[in-house]
């Protein structure tokens, strides 16, 4: 993939717009952007906020409104024009989205929420990738095992210390850990010893486990509390093994600015965060990382 991630998404959405009146599959789009079907579907669905084929259908239905308002066009002709295989397929899809049939709308037009071409202004382009606006999830308490490292910020900036220990863990240490829940999922847990202390932190390259039994030498345990988390997803055009503090600092700057703008809903409630990387998604040209921040919960006094 030679284009940047944001350019790939822009190209794909323009390709979709040009194909609203012909049959279009995820394989067609994947070939156009030179990505796998899986990564194309995942990336574009994240970008538009819904499954990409649902977005395409919603765009076709929205575009059909103008022709419905012109009495010289038959509904069957409109359905064919927008690449629906059958008139009934168009009618069913229209009713499911708008709760009226095309004929009912034509007879008595009413207010509808249309799906226009997706506006990518909500995406933040960073060096070698982009970050999506966050989603909020509830994550139950879970357990991790991994070595602990004291990461000095200045050393990390110069020598990519956290990246080195993360790769060492994945290539060597992970295999010695028992009771792994997801062998292909990496968790990079960072705990700050003080809210005010920014010169260092403790970093745990780790995996989630179902039990702390048979702990290998040099490994430590952590219990990550359940609760509400703001999850920021970063996608880059490189393998996760090349994710360094330079990328994470850009991501962190964006997150901090976002949090400042959206207080109190995104107030970080505890002095830690963690990276979640599913390596089964990774390729030499695709990195996806979810960054979890614990956020405040409502209390009743």
Protein backbone atom coordinates (compact mmCIF):
# COMPACT_ATOMS: atom_id res chain seq x y z
CA UNK A 1 0.00 0.00 0.00
CA UNK A 2 1.85 3.08 -1.26
CA UNK A 3 -0.74 5.66 -0.27
CA UNK A 4 -1.10 6.95 3.27
CA UNK A 5 -3.95 5.48 5.28
CA UNK A 6 -6.04 8.64 4.97
CA UNK A 7 -5.42 8.80 1.21
CA UNK A 8 -6.46 5.16 0.92
CA UNK A 9 -9.75 5.87 2.68
CA UNK A 10 -10.39 8.99 0.58
CA UNK A 11 -9.68 7.05 -2.62
CA UNK A 12 -11.95 4.19 -1.53
CA UNK A 13 -14.85 6.52 -0.72
CA UNK A 14 -14.46 8.29 -4.06
CA UNK A 15 -14.40 4.88 -5.77
CA UNK A 16 -17.60 3.95 -3.96
CA UNK A 17 -19.27 7.19 -5.05
CA UNK A 18 -18.40 6.46 -8.66
CA UNK A 19 -19.84 2.97 -8.30
CA UNK A 20 -23.24 3.69 -6.76
CA UNK A 21 -24.95 2.82 -10.05
CA UNK A 22 -23.15 -0.47 -10.67
CA UNK A 23 -22.68 -3.70 -8.75
CA UNK A 24 -19.91 -3.17 -6.23
CA UNK A 25 -18.35 -5.73 -3.89
CA UNK A 26 -15.81 -5.47 -1.12
CA UNK A 27 -13.42 -7.38 -3.38
CA UNK A 28 -13.78 -4.67 -6.05
CA UNK A 29 -12.91 -1.99 -3.50
CA UNK A 30 -10.03 -4.04 -2.07
CA UNK A 31 -8.50 -4.44 -5.53
CA UNK A 32 -8.86 -0.71 -6.17
CA UNK A 33 -6.95 0.21 -2.99
CA UNK A 34 -4.52 -2.75 -3.14
CA UNK A 35 -5.46 -4.18 0.24
CA UNK A 36 -6.91 -7.49 1.37
CA UNK A 37 -10.69 -7.84 1.57
CA UNK A 38 -10.43 -8.22 5.34
CA UNK A 39 -8.36 -5.10 5.96
CA UNK A 40 -10.37 -3.06 3.45
CA UNK A 41 -13.62 -3.97 5.19
CA UNK A 42 -12.16 -3.33 8.65
CA UNK A 43 -10.55 0.01 7.79
CA UNK A 44 -13.47 1.47 5.84
CA UNK A 45 -16.07 0.28 8.33
CA UNK A 46 -14.13 2.05 11.09
CA UNK A 47 -13.89 5.18 8.96
CA UNK A 48 -17.63 5.45 8.16
CA UNK A 49 -18.88 4.16 11.52
CA UNK A 50 -20.86 1.19 10.17
CA UNK A 51 -20.25 -1.91 8.03
CA UNK A 52 -19.00 -0.59 4.70
CA UNK A 53 -21.56 -2.51 2.60
CA UNK A 54 -24.36 -1.04 4.76
CA UNK A 55 -22.89 2.41 4.10
CA UNK A 56 -22.88 1.75 0.34
CA UNK A 57 -26.51 0.65 0.40
CA UNK A 58 -27.48 3.70 2.47
CA UNK A 59 -25.70 5.95 -0.04
CA UNK A 60 -27.62 4.33 -2.92
CA UNK A 61 -30.93 4.71 -1.13
CA UNK A 62 -30.21 8.34 -0.30
CA UNK A 63 -29.17 9.06 -3.88
CA UNK A 64 -32.37 7.48 -5.15
CA UNK A 65 -34.53 10.05 -3.36
CA UNK A 66 -34.04 12.65 -6.08
CA UNK A 67 -35.26 10.26 -8.78
CA UNK A 68 -38.23 9.20 -6.66
CA UNK A 69 -39.35 12.81 -6.61
CA UNK A 70 -39.43 12.81 -10.43
CA UNK A 71 -42.65 11.13 -11.56
CA UNK A 72 -41.30 10.07 -14.97
CA UNK A 73 -39.08 7.40 -13.40
CA UNK A 74 -40.59 4.03 -12.51
CA UNK A 75 -39.54 2.45 -9.24
CA UNK A 76 -38.26 -0.61 -11.07
CA UNK A 77 -36.07 1.63 -13.26
CA UNK A 78 -34.71 3.43 -10.19
CA UNK A 79 -33.89 0.13 -8.49
CA UNK A 80 -32.01 -1.07 -11.58
CA UNK A 81 -30.18 2.23 -11.96
CA UNK A 82 -28.79 1.91 -8.43
CA UNK A 83 -27.70 -1.71 -9.00
CA UNK A 84 -30.34 -3.49 -6.93
CA UNK A 85 -30.83 -6.97 -8.38
CA UNK A 86 -34.61 -6.86 -8.00
CA UNK A 87 -37.22 -4.18 -7.48
CA UNK A 88 -38.33 -5.91 -4.28
CA UNK A 89 -34.77 -5.79 -2.94
CA UNK A 90 -34.80 -2.01 -3.36
CA UNK A 91 -38.25 -1.68 -1.77
CA UNK A 92 -37.29 -3.83 1.24
CA UNK A 93 -34.04 -1.96 1.79
CA UNK A 94 -35.78 1.41 1.47
CA UNK A 95 -38.49 0.46 3.97
CA UNK A 96 -35.97 -0.97 6.43
CA UNK A 97 -33.97 2.25 6.41
CA UNK A 98 -36.77 4.83 6.15
CA UNK A 99 -39.81 2.92 7.51
CA UNK A 100 -41.88 3.70 4.41
CA UNK A 101 -41.88 2.18 0.95
CA UNK A 102 -40.62 4.15 -2.08
CA UNK A 103 -44.20 4.38 -3.35
CA UNK A 104 -45.45 5.74 -0.02
CA UNK A 105 -42.67 8.31 0.05
CA UNK A 106 -43.36 9.34 -3.54
CA UNK A 107 -47.05 9.83 -2.71
CA UNK A 108 -46.44 11.72 0.56
CA UNK A 109 -42.83 12.91 0.99
CA UNK A 110 -41.66 13.24 4.60
CA UNK A 111 -38.54 14.18 6.52
CA UNK A 112 -35.72 11.67 6.07
CA UNK A 113 -32.19 11.47 7.43
CA UNK A 114 -30.01 10.94 4.39
CA UNK A 115 -26.58 9.35 4.24
CA UNK A 116 -24.24 11.67 2.38
CA UNK A 117 -20.69 10.90 1.31
CA UNK A 118 -18.75 10.38 4.53
CA UNK A 119 -16.94 13.43 5.85
CA UNK A 120 -13.45 12.43 6.99
CA UNK A 121 -12.89 15.55 9.08
CA UNK A 122 -13.44 13.45 12.22
CA UNK A 123 -10.29 11.48 11.43
CA UNK A 124 -6.96 12.82 12.61
CA UNK A 125 -4.08 12.11 10.26
CA UNK A 126 -0.77 11.47 12.01
CA UNK A 127 2.64 10.51 10.68
CA UNK A 128 2.34 7.06 9.04
CA UNK A 129 -1.31 6.68 10.04
CA UNK A 130 -4.45 8.12 11.55
CA UNK A 131 -6.46 7.99 14.75
CA UNK A 132 -10.22 7.58 15.02
CA UNK A 133 -12.48 9.42 17.41
CA UNK A 134 -12.96 7.29 20.52
CA UNK A 135 -15.64 4.86 21.45
CA UNK A 136 -16.62 4.16 25.05
CA UNK A 137 -16.75 0.56 26.26
CA UNK A 138 -17.21 -1.32 29.49
CA UNK A 139 -14.39 -3.81 30.04
CA UNK A 140 -14.58 -6.40 32.84
CA UNK A 141 -11.67 -6.97 35.23
CA UNK A 142 -8.93 -9.07 33.63
CA UNK A 143 -5.49 -10.41 34.52
CA UNK A 144 -2.16 -9.97 32.75
CA UNK A 145 1.33 -11.41 33.15
CA UNK A 146 4.59 -9.90 31.92
CA UNK A 147 7.91 -8.39 33.01
CA UNK A 148 8.04 -4.90 34.50
CA UNK A 149 10.34 -2.20 33.16
CA UNK A 150 11.03 1.28 34.41
CA UNK A 151 10.90 3.43 31.29
CA UNK A 152 12.72 6.76 31.48
CA UNK A 153 11.10 9.17 29.04
CA UNK A 154 14.32 10.72 27.73
CA UNK A 155 15.91 7.30 27.14
CA UNK A 156 12.75 6.05 25.47
CA UNK A 157 12.74 9.00 23.06
CA UNK A 158 16.35 8.37 22.08
CA UNK A 159 16.52 4.57 22.11
CA UNK A 160 12.88 3.42 21.74
CA UNK A 161 13.25 1.42 24.98
CA UNK A 162 9.59 0.45 25.28
CA UNK A 163 9.53 -0.77 21.68
CA UNK A 164 12.64 -2.89 22.26
CA UNK A 165 11.29 -4.58 25.39
CA UNK A 166 7.91 -5.11 23.72
CA UNK A 167 9.50 -6.90 20.75
CA UNK A 168 11.74 -8.94 23.08
CA UNK A 169 8.66 -10.02 25.01
CA UNK A 170 6.74 -11.05 21.89
CA UNK A 171 9.69 -12.87 20.33
CA UNK A 172 11.04 -14.55 23.44
CA UNK A 173 9.33 -14.14 26.81
CA UNK A 174 5.67 -14.61 25.83
CA UNK A 175 6.13 -18.28 25.01
CA UNK A 176 7.04 -19.13 28.62
CA UNK A 177 3.75 -17.80 30.05
CA UNK A 178 1.07 -20.33 30.89
CA UNK A 179 -2.72 -19.95 30.69
CA UNK A 180 -2.73 -17.35 27.89
CA UNK A 181 -6.25 -16.48 26.75
CA UNK A 182 -5.32 -15.04 23.35
CA UNK A 183 -1.87 -16.03 22.15
CA UNK A 184 -1.94 -13.43 19.36
CA UNK A 185 -3.00 -10.45 21.53
CA UNK A 186 -0.35 -8.16 23.03
CA UNK A 187 -1.13 -5.82 25.91
CA UNK A 188 1.26 -2.99 26.69
CA UNK A 189 0.29 -1.77 30.17
CA UNK A 190 1.68 1.57 31.39
CA UNK A 191 1.31 2.70 35.00
CA UNK A 192 2.30 6.15 36.19
CA UNK A 193 3.70 6.25 39.71
CA UNK A 194 2.44 9.82 40.05
CA UNK A 195 0.03 11.97 38.10
CA UNK A 196 2.63 14.75 38.25
CA UNK A 197 5.74 12.67 37.52
CA UNK A 198 6.33 12.61 33.77
CA UNK A 199 10.00 11.63 33.60
CA UNK A 200 9.35 7.90 33.91
CA UNK A 201 6.66 5.26 34.09
CA UNK A 202 6.41 1.48 34.54
CA UNK A 203 5.75 -0.55 31.43
CA UNK A 204 4.49 -4.14 31.36
CA UNK A 205 4.64 -5.92 27.99
CA UNK A 206 2.12 -8.66 28.70
CA UNK A 207 -0.60 -11.10 27.72
CA UNK A 208 -3.99 -11.76 29.28
CA UNK A 209 -4.17 -14.96 31.33
CA UNK A 210 -6.87 -17.03 32.97
CA UNK A 211 -4.69 -17.95 35.96
CA UNK A 212 -1.55 -16.76 37.76
CA UNK A 213 -0.41 -20.35 38.40
CA UNK A 214 3.07 -21.49 37.31
CA UNK A 215 4.44 -17.97 36.95
CA UNK A 216 7.74 -18.02 35.00
CA UNK A 217 10.83 -16.36 36.58
CA UNK A 218 10.99 -12.60 36.02
CA UNK A 219 7.29 -12.24 35.34
CA UNK A 220 4.86 -10.16 37.38
CA UNK A 221 1.08 -10.14 37.68
CA UNK A 222 -1.39 -7.31 37.31
CA UNK A 223 -5.13 -7.11 37.79
CA UNK A 224 -6.66 -4.54 35.43
CA UNK A 225 -9.84 -3.16 36.99
CA UNK A 226 -13.14 -3.38 35.19
CA UNK A 227 -14.97 -0.19 34.26
CA UNK A 228 -15.59 2.36 31.56
CA UNK A 229 -12.80 2.97 29.08
CA UNK A 230 -12.34 5.44 26.26
CA UNK A 231 -10.79 3.51 23.37
CA UNK A 232 -8.78 5.36 20.73
CA UNK A 233 -7.93 3.29 17.65
CA UNK A 234 -4.77 4.08 15.68
CA UNK A 235 -4.12 2.57 12.25
CA UNK A 236 -0.69 2.86 10.65
CA UNK A 237 0.87 1.75 7.38
CA UNK A 238 3.55 -0.44 8.99
CA UNK A 239 3.84 -3.57 11.15
CA UNK A 240 3.09 -3.13 14.89
CA UNK A 241 6.65 -4.18 15.74
CA UNK A 242 7.72 -0.76 14.39
CA UNK A 243 5.38 1.18 16.68
CA UNK A 244 7.60 3.48 18.75
CA UNK A 245 7.36 6.33 21.23
CA UNK A 246 7.43 8.74 18.28
CA UNK A 247 4.07 7.39 17.09
CA UNK A 248 2.71 7.07 20.61
CA UNK A 249 3.63 10.65 21.49
CA UNK A 250 1.62 11.95 18.53
CA UNK A 251 -1.26 9.71 19.54
CA UNK A 252 -0.97 10.83 23.16
CA UNK A 253 -0.95 14.52 22.16
CA UNK A 254 -4.14 14.01 20.16
CA UNK A 255 -5.79 12.10 23.01
CA UNK A 256 -4.88 14.73 25.60
CA UNK A 257 -6.30 17.51 23.42
CA UNK A 258 -9.46 15.47 22.80
CA UNK A 259 -9.86 14.82 26.52
CA UNK A 260 -9.43 18.51 27.32
CA UNK A 261 -12.14 19.43 24.81
CA UNK A 262 -14.59 16.80 26.05
CA UNK A 263 -14.32 17.02 29.82
CA UNK A 264 -15.86 15.76 32.06
CA UNK A 265 -16.98 12.78 29.94
CA UNK A 266 -13.42 11.74 29.16
CA UNK A 267 -11.70 12.52 32.44
CA UNK A 268 -9.02 9.89 33.07
CA UNK A 269 -9.96 8.27 36.36
CA UNK A 270 -6.85 6.20 37.17
CA UNK A 271 -3.10 6.58 36.53
CA UNK A 272 -2.67 3.98 33.81
CA UNK A 273 -3.53 3.10 30.23
CA UNK A 274 -2.86 0.12 28.01
CA UNK A 275 -2.34 -0.71 24.36
CA UNK A 276 -4.21 -3.66 22.89
CA UNK A 277 -2.74 -5.12 19.69
CA UNK A 278 -4.24 -8.10 17.92
CA UNK A 279 -1.29 -9.40 15.91
CA UNK A 280 -3.54 -11.59 13.77
CA UNK A 281 -4.61 -8.34 12.04
CA UNK A 282 -1.07 -7.20 11.35
CA UNK A 283 0.80 -7.18 8.06
CA UNK A 284 4.00 -5.47 6.95
CA UNK A 285 1.82 -2.54 5.87
CA UNK A 286 -0.95 -2.57 8.48
CA UNK A 287 -0.82 -1.75 12.18
CA UNK A 288 -3.92 -1.44 14.34
CA UNK A 289 -3.72 -0.59 18.03
CA UNK A 290 -6.48 0.20 20.52
CA UNK A 291 -5.44 2.47 23.38
CA UNK A 292 -7.61 2.16 26.50
CA UNK A 293 -7.96 4.97 29.04
CA UNK A 294 -10.04 4.41 32.20
CA UNK A 295 -12.60 7.17 32.49
CA UNK A 296 -14.73 8.40 35.36
CA UNK A 297 -17.98 6.73 36.29
CA UNK A 298 -21.12 8.27 37.74
CA UNK A 299 -21.33 8.14 41.53
CA UNK A 300 -24.47 8.49 43.64
CA UNK A 301 -24.06 10.48 46.83
